[in-house]
């Protein structure tokens, strides 16, 4: 029992200062990761964009903004029009809903561009890259559903690549 306590014995001042200096960057990185952000270098969301500060109604509308991308199954370009409509209707009422609607809309635009490129590649390669396009499409649908689940559960959510860019424009 006594042997386990030996590391906590007092050390000289140089060793303690080096240990404290080494612990500070790890603590800062852990704080950013604990906030639920994708990377430690990403600053936390402003208070008006945090899910913890949003009302139940705002979280529901943010969820609808993410799920509105599924309108692409019913309407051509519905995956872009759905989040756009939510943004147009709710942008003045809630910065939180507007932020998630813009994220969803821009992610769907980005996805449409990628899928168009993959379709053209599949056409040029006689269908060899068609499976890659289908996988990208399914991944985009799953990511939109994941975003809706996260937001409705009261957790902060940002799409990779698109989220930080939309945050700067909000």
C-alpha atoms as a PDB file:
ATOM      1  CA  UNK A   1       0.000   0.000   0.000  1.00  0.00           C
ATOM      2  CA  UNK A   2       2.879   2.357   0.835  1.00  0.00           C
ATOM      3  CA  UNK A   3       4.573   1.664  -2.531  1.00  0.00           C
ATOM      4  CA  UNK A   4       1.544   2.931  -4.484  1.00  0.00           C
ATOM      5  CA  UNK A   5       1.752   6.317  -2.792  1.00  0.00           C
ATOM      6  CA  UNK A   6       5.410   6.963  -3.620  1.00  0.00           C
ATOM      7  CA  UNK A   7       4.721   8.724  -6.967  1.00  0.00           C
ATOM      8  CA  UNK A   8       2.712  11.396  -5.155  1.00  0.00           C
ATOM      9  CA  UNK A   9       5.637  12.341  -2.933  1.00  0.00           C
ATOM     10  CA  UNK A  10       6.880  15.914  -3.312  1.00  0.00           C
ATOM     11  CA  UNK A  11       9.283  16.489  -6.190  1.00  0.00           C
ATOM     12  CA  UNK A  12      11.727  19.274  -6.828  1.00  0.00           C
ATOM     13  CA  UNK A  13      10.396  22.546  -8.327  1.00  0.00           C
ATOM     14  CA  UNK A  14      11.719  21.918 -11.859  1.00  0.00           C
ATOM     15  CA  UNK A  15       9.952  18.564 -12.136  1.00  0.00           C
ATOM     16  CA  UNK A  16       6.669  19.998 -10.841  1.00  0.00           C
ATOM     17  CA  UNK A  17       6.791  22.945 -13.286  1.00  0.00           C
ATOM     18  CA  UNK A  18       7.508  20.639 -16.227  1.00  0.00           C
ATOM     19  CA  UNK A  19       4.636  18.387 -15.222  1.00  0.00           C
ATOM     20  CA  UNK A  20       2.234  21.321 -14.926  1.00  0.00           C
ATOM     21  CA  UNK A  21       3.311  22.729 -18.299  1.00  0.00           C
ATOM     22  CA  UNK A  22       2.848  19.355 -19.987  1.00  0.00           C
ATOM     23  CA  UNK A  23      -0.636  18.940 -18.496  1.00  0.00           C
ATOM     24  CA  UNK A  24      -1.980  22.286 -19.675  1.00  0.00           C
ATOM     25  CA  UNK A  25      -2.218  21.541 -23.430  1.00  0.00           C
ATOM     26  CA  UNK A  26      -3.849  18.192 -22.727  1.00  0.00           C
ATOM     27  CA  UNK A  27      -6.452  19.833 -20.503  1.00  0.00           C
ATOM     28  CA  UNK A  28      -7.244  22.430 -23.179  1.00  0.00           C
ATOM     29  CA  UNK A  29      -7.660  19.747 -25.839  1.00  0.00           C
ATOM     30  CA  UNK A  30      -9.808  17.601 -23.582  1.00  0.00           C
ATOM     31  CA  UNK A  31     -12.117  20.539 -22.925  1.00  0.00           C
ATOM     32  CA  UNK A  32     -12.717  21.118 -26.622  1.00  0.00           C
ATOM     33  CA  UNK A  33     -13.267  17.417 -27.265  1.00  0.00           C
ATOM     34  CA  UNK A  34     -15.663  17.209 -24.349  1.00  0.00           C
ATOM     35  CA  UNK A  35     -17.800  19.912 -25.944  1.00  0.00           C
ATOM     36  CA  UNK A  36     -18.693  17.446 -28.696  1.00  0.00           C
ATOM     37  CA  UNK A  37     -16.860  19.239 -31.475  1.00  0.00           C
ATOM     38  CA  UNK A  38     -15.177  17.210 -34.241  1.00  0.00           C
ATOM     39  CA  UNK A  39     -11.648  18.452 -33.477  1.00  0.00           C
ATOM     40  CA  UNK A  40      -9.810  19.957 -30.553  1.00  0.00           C
ATOM     41  CA  UNK A  41      -8.932  23.045 -32.612  1.00  0.00           C
ATOM     42  CA  UNK A  42     -12.599  23.848 -33.318  1.00  0.00           C
ATOM     43  CA  UNK A  43     -13.884  26.516 -30.934  1.00  0.00           C
ATOM     44  CA  UNK A  44     -17.175  25.845 -29.167  1.00  0.00           C
ATOM     45  CA  UNK A  45     -20.383  27.089 -30.722  1.00  0.00           C
ATOM     46  CA  UNK A  46     -21.677  30.521 -29.704  1.00  0.00           C
ATOM     47  CA  UNK A  47     -24.405  30.321 -27.028  1.00  0.00           C
ATOM     48  CA  UNK A  48     -27.248  31.076 -29.464  1.00  0.00           C
ATOM     49  CA  UNK A  49     -26.202  28.102 -31.633  1.00  0.00           C
ATOM     50  CA  UNK A  50     -25.816  25.556 -28.823  1.00  0.00           C
ATOM     51  CA  UNK A  51     -28.420  22.834 -28.499  1.00  0.00           C
ATOM     52  CA  UNK A  52     -28.321  23.111 -24.697  1.00  0.00           C
ATOM     53  CA  UNK A  53     -29.667  26.681 -24.943  1.00  0.00           C
ATOM     54  CA  UNK A  54     -32.333  25.890 -27.553  1.00  0.00           C
ATOM     55  CA  UNK A  55     -35.964  25.304 -26.689  1.00  0.00           C
ATOM     56  CA  UNK A  56     -37.716  22.028 -27.482  1.00  0.00           C
ATOM     57  CA  UNK A  57     -39.499  23.731 -30.394  1.00  0.00           C
ATOM     58  CA  UNK A  58     -36.192  25.005 -31.829  1.00  0.00           C
ATOM     59  CA  UNK A  59     -34.610  21.566 -31.553  1.00  0.00           C
ATOM     60  CA  UNK A  60     -37.628  20.058 -33.312  1.00  0.00           C
ATOM     61  CA  UNK A  61     -37.365  22.552 -36.176  1.00  0.00           C
ATOM     62  CA  UNK A  62     -33.614  21.927 -36.436  1.00  0.00           C
ATOM     63  CA  UNK A  63     -34.367  18.195 -36.651  1.00  0.00           C
ATOM     64  CA  UNK A  64     -36.921  18.910 -39.385  1.00  0.00           C
ATOM     65  CA  UNK A  65     -34.264  20.924 -41.256  1.00  0.00           C
ATOM     66  CA  UNK A  66     -31.956  17.907 -41.303  1.00  0.00           C
ATOM     67  CA  UNK A  67     -34.723  15.451 -42.192  1.00  0.00           C
ATOM     68  CA  UNK A  68     -36.087  17.786 -44.894  1.00  0.00           C
ATOM     69  CA  UNK A  69     -33.164  16.596 -46.992  1.00  0.00           C
ATOM     70  CA  UNK A  70     -35.055  13.318 -47.353  1.00  0.00           C
ATOM     71  CA  UNK A  71     -37.588  15.199 -49.514  1.00  0.00           C
ATOM     72  CA  UNK A  72     -35.215  14.357 -52.354  1.00  0.00           C
ATOM     73  CA  UNK A  73     -36.857  10.924 -52.407  1.00  0.00           C
ATOM     74  CA  UNK A  74     -40.164  12.546 -53.414  1.00  0.00           C
ATOM     75  CA  UNK A  75     -39.285  15.714 -55.314  1.00  0.00           C
ATOM     76  CA  UNK A  76     -36.382  16.451 -57.664  1.00  0.00           C
ATOM     77  CA  UNK A  77     -33.921  18.679 -55.771  1.00  0.00           C
ATOM     78  CA  UNK A  78     -36.091  18.218 -52.681  1.00  0.00           C
ATOM     79  CA  UNK A  79     -32.960  17.443 -50.684  1.00  0.00           C
ATOM     80  CA  UNK A  80     -31.906  21.076 -51.223  1.00  0.00           C
ATOM     81  CA  UNK A  81     -35.365  22.681 -51.307  1.00  0.00           C
ATOM     82  CA  UNK A  82     -36.499  21.118 -48.002  1.00  0.00           C
ATOM     83  CA  UNK A  83     -33.789  22.700 -45.817  1.00  0.00           C
ATOM     84  CA  UNK A  84     -34.049  25.926 -47.853  1.00  0.00           C
ATOM     85  CA  UNK A  85     -37.758  26.207 -47.048  1.00  0.00           C
ATOM     86  CA  UNK A  86     -37.101  25.616 -43.331  1.00  0.00           C
ATOM     87  CA  UNK A  87     -34.392  28.287 -43.422  1.00  0.00           C
ATOM     88  CA  UNK A  88     -36.654  30.787 -45.211  1.00  0.00           C
ATOM     89  CA  UNK A  89     -39.510  30.211 -42.747  1.00  0.00           C
ATOM     90  CA  UNK A  90     -37.509  30.159 -39.492  1.00  0.00           C
ATOM     91  CA  UNK A  91     -34.423  32.321 -40.118  1.00  0.00           C
ATOM     92  CA  UNK A  92     -35.870  35.406 -38.417  1.00  0.00           C
ATOM     93  CA  UNK A  93     -37.273  33.514 -35.422  1.00  0.00           C
ATOM     94  CA  UNK A  94     -34.283  31.419 -34.356  1.00  0.00           C
ATOM     95  CA  UNK A  95     -30.569  31.608 -35.068  1.00  0.00           C
ATOM     96  CA  UNK A  96     -30.296  27.974 -33.937  1.00  0.00           C
ATOM     97  CA  UNK A  97     -32.815  26.708 -36.511  1.00  0.00           C
ATOM     98  CA  UNK A  98     -31.384  28.952 -39.231  1.00  0.00           C
ATOM     99  CA  UNK A  99     -27.893  27.597 -38.537  1.00  0.00           C
ATOM    100  CA  UNK A 100     -28.974  23.966 -38.829  1.00  0.00           C
ATOM    101  CA  UNK A 101     -31.114  24.609 -41.910  1.00  0.00           C
ATOM    102  CA  UNK A 102     -28.197  26.359 -43.651  1.00  0.00           C
ATOM    103  CA  UNK A 103     -25.859  23.538 -42.671  1.00  0.00           C
ATOM    104  CA  UNK A 104     -28.238  20.938 -44.052  1.00  0.00           C
ATOM    105  CA  UNK A 105     -28.836  22.889 -47.255  1.00  0.00           C
ATOM    106  CA  UNK A 106     -25.140  23.452 -47.970  1.00  0.00           C
ATOM    107  CA  UNK A 107     -24.277  19.864 -47.132  1.00  0.00           C
ATOM    108  CA  UNK A 108     -26.910  18.704 -49.626  1.00  0.00           C
ATOM    109  CA  UNK A 109     -25.538  21.076 -52.286  1.00  0.00           C
ATOM    110  CA  UNK A 110     -22.039  19.706 -51.633  1.00  0.00           C
ATOM    111  CA  UNK A 111     -23.408  16.156 -51.827  1.00  0.00           C
ATOM    112  CA  UNK A 112     -25.225  16.905 -55.119  1.00  0.00           C
ATOM    113  CA  UNK A 113     -21.973  18.180 -56.639  1.00  0.00           C
ATOM    114  CA  UNK A 114     -20.045  15.106 -55.497  1.00  0.00           C
ATOM    115  CA  UNK A 115     -22.764  12.753 -56.761  1.00  0.00           C
ATOM    116  CA  UNK A 116     -22.850  14.530 -60.122  1.00  0.00           C
ATOM    117  CA  UNK A 117     -19.095  14.075 -60.475  1.00  0.00           C
ATOM    118  CA  UNK A 118     -19.381  10.420 -59.470  1.00  0.00           C
ATOM    119  CA  UNK A 119     -22.232   9.913 -61.949  1.00  0.00           C
ATOM    120  CA  UNK A 120     -20.123  11.388 -64.742  1.00  0.00           C
ATOM    121  CA  UNK A 121     -17.228   9.153 -63.728  1.00  0.00           C
ATOM    122  CA  UNK A 122     -19.544   6.145 -63.738  1.00  0.00           C
ATOM    123  CA  UNK A 123     -20.764   7.114 -67.193  1.00  0.00           C
ATOM    124  CA  UNK A 124     -17.198   7.489 -68.468  1.00  0.00           C
ATOM    125  CA  UNK A 125     -16.016   4.236 -66.889  1.00  0.00           C
ATOM    126  CA  UNK A 126     -19.052   2.236 -68.048  1.00  0.00           C
ATOM    127  CA  UNK A 127     -20.463   1.917 -64.539  1.00  0.00           C
ATOM    128  CA  UNK A 128     -17.323   0.891 -62.690  1.00  0.00           C
ATOM    129  CA  UNK A 129     -17.685   3.718 -60.157  1.00  0.00           C
ATOM    130  CA  UNK A 130     -21.455   3.414 -59.781  1.00  0.00           C
ATOM    131  CA  UNK A 131     -21.112   1.566 -56.473  1.00  0.00           C
ATOM    132  CA  UNK A 132     -19.006   4.408 -55.107  1.00  0.00           C
ATOM    133  CA  UNK A 133     -21.753   6.865 -56.039  1.00  0.00           C
ATOM    134  CA  UNK A 134     -24.423   4.744 -54.362  1.00  0.00           C
ATOM    135  CA  UNK A 135     -22.288   4.441 -51.223  1.00  0.00           C
ATOM    136  CA  UNK A 136     -21.766   8.221 -51.143  1.00  0.00           C
ATOM    137  CA  UNK A 137     -25.500   8.803 -51.551  1.00  0.00           C
ATOM    138  CA  UNK A 138     -26.379   6.353 -48.755  1.00  0.00           C
ATOM    139  CA  UNK A 139     -23.721   7.932 -46.552  1.00  0.00           C
ATOM    140  CA  UNK A 140     -25.200  11.390 -47.106  1.00  0.00           C
ATOM    141  CA  UNK A 141     -28.687  10.147 -46.212  1.00  0.00           C
ATOM    142  CA  UNK A 142     -27.381   8.421 -43.083  1.00  0.00           C
ATOM    143  CA  UNK A 143     -25.418  11.538 -42.065  1.00  0.00           C
ATOM    144  CA  UNK A 144     -28.540  13.718 -42.384  1.00  0.00           C
ATOM    145  CA  UNK A 145     -30.485  11.275 -40.207  1.00  0.00           C
ATOM    146  CA  UNK A 146     -27.619  11.203 -37.694  1.00  0.00           C
ATOM    147  CA  UNK A 147     -27.631  15.015 -37.552  1.00  0.00           C
ATOM    148  CA  UNK A 148     -31.375  15.024 -36.913  1.00  0.00           C
ATOM    149  CA  UNK A 149     -31.000  12.515 -34.085  1.00  0.00           C
ATOM    150  CA  UNK A 150     -28.157  14.468 -32.477  1.00  0.00           C
ATOM    151  CA  UNK A 151     -29.998  17.799 -32.593  1.00  0.00           C
ATOM    152  CA  UNK A 152     -33.294  16.387 -31.356  1.00  0.00           C
ATOM    153  CA  UNK A 153     -31.406  14.784 -28.458  1.00  0.00           C
ATOM    154  CA  UNK A 154     -30.028  18.170 -27.397  1.00  0.00           C
ATOM    155  CA  UNK A 155     -26.468  17.609 -28.638  1.00  0.00           C
ATOM    156  CA  UNK A 156     -24.468  20.035 -30.752  1.00  0.00           C
ATOM    157  CA  UNK A 157     -23.939  18.894 -34.342  1.00  0.00           C
ATOM    158  CA  UNK A 158     -21.921  20.209 -37.267  1.00  0.00           C
ATOM    159  CA  UNK A 159     -21.424  18.609 -40.655  1.00  0.00           C
ATOM    160  CA  UNK A 160     -17.740  18.150 -41.416  1.00  0.00           C
ATOM    161  CA  UNK A 161     -16.357  20.757 -43.813  1.00  0.00           C
ATOM    162  CA  UNK A 162     -19.682  22.587 -44.095  1.00  0.00           C
ATOM    163  CA  UNK A 163     -20.458  23.307 -40.419  1.00  0.00           C
ATOM    164  CA  UNK A 164     -17.504  25.587 -39.610  1.00  0.00           C
ATOM    165  CA  UNK A 165     -18.014  27.507 -42.845  1.00  0.00           C
ATOM    166  CA  UNK A 166     -21.715  28.046 -42.109  1.00  0.00           C
ATOM    167  CA  UNK A 167     -20.861  29.059 -38.537  1.00  0.00           C
ATOM    168  CA  UNK A 168     -18.641  31.872 -39.860  1.00  0.00           C
ATOM    169  CA  UNK A 169     -21.418  33.110 -42.130  1.00  0.00           C
ATOM    170  CA  UNK A 170     -24.099  32.974 -39.419  1.00  0.00           C
END
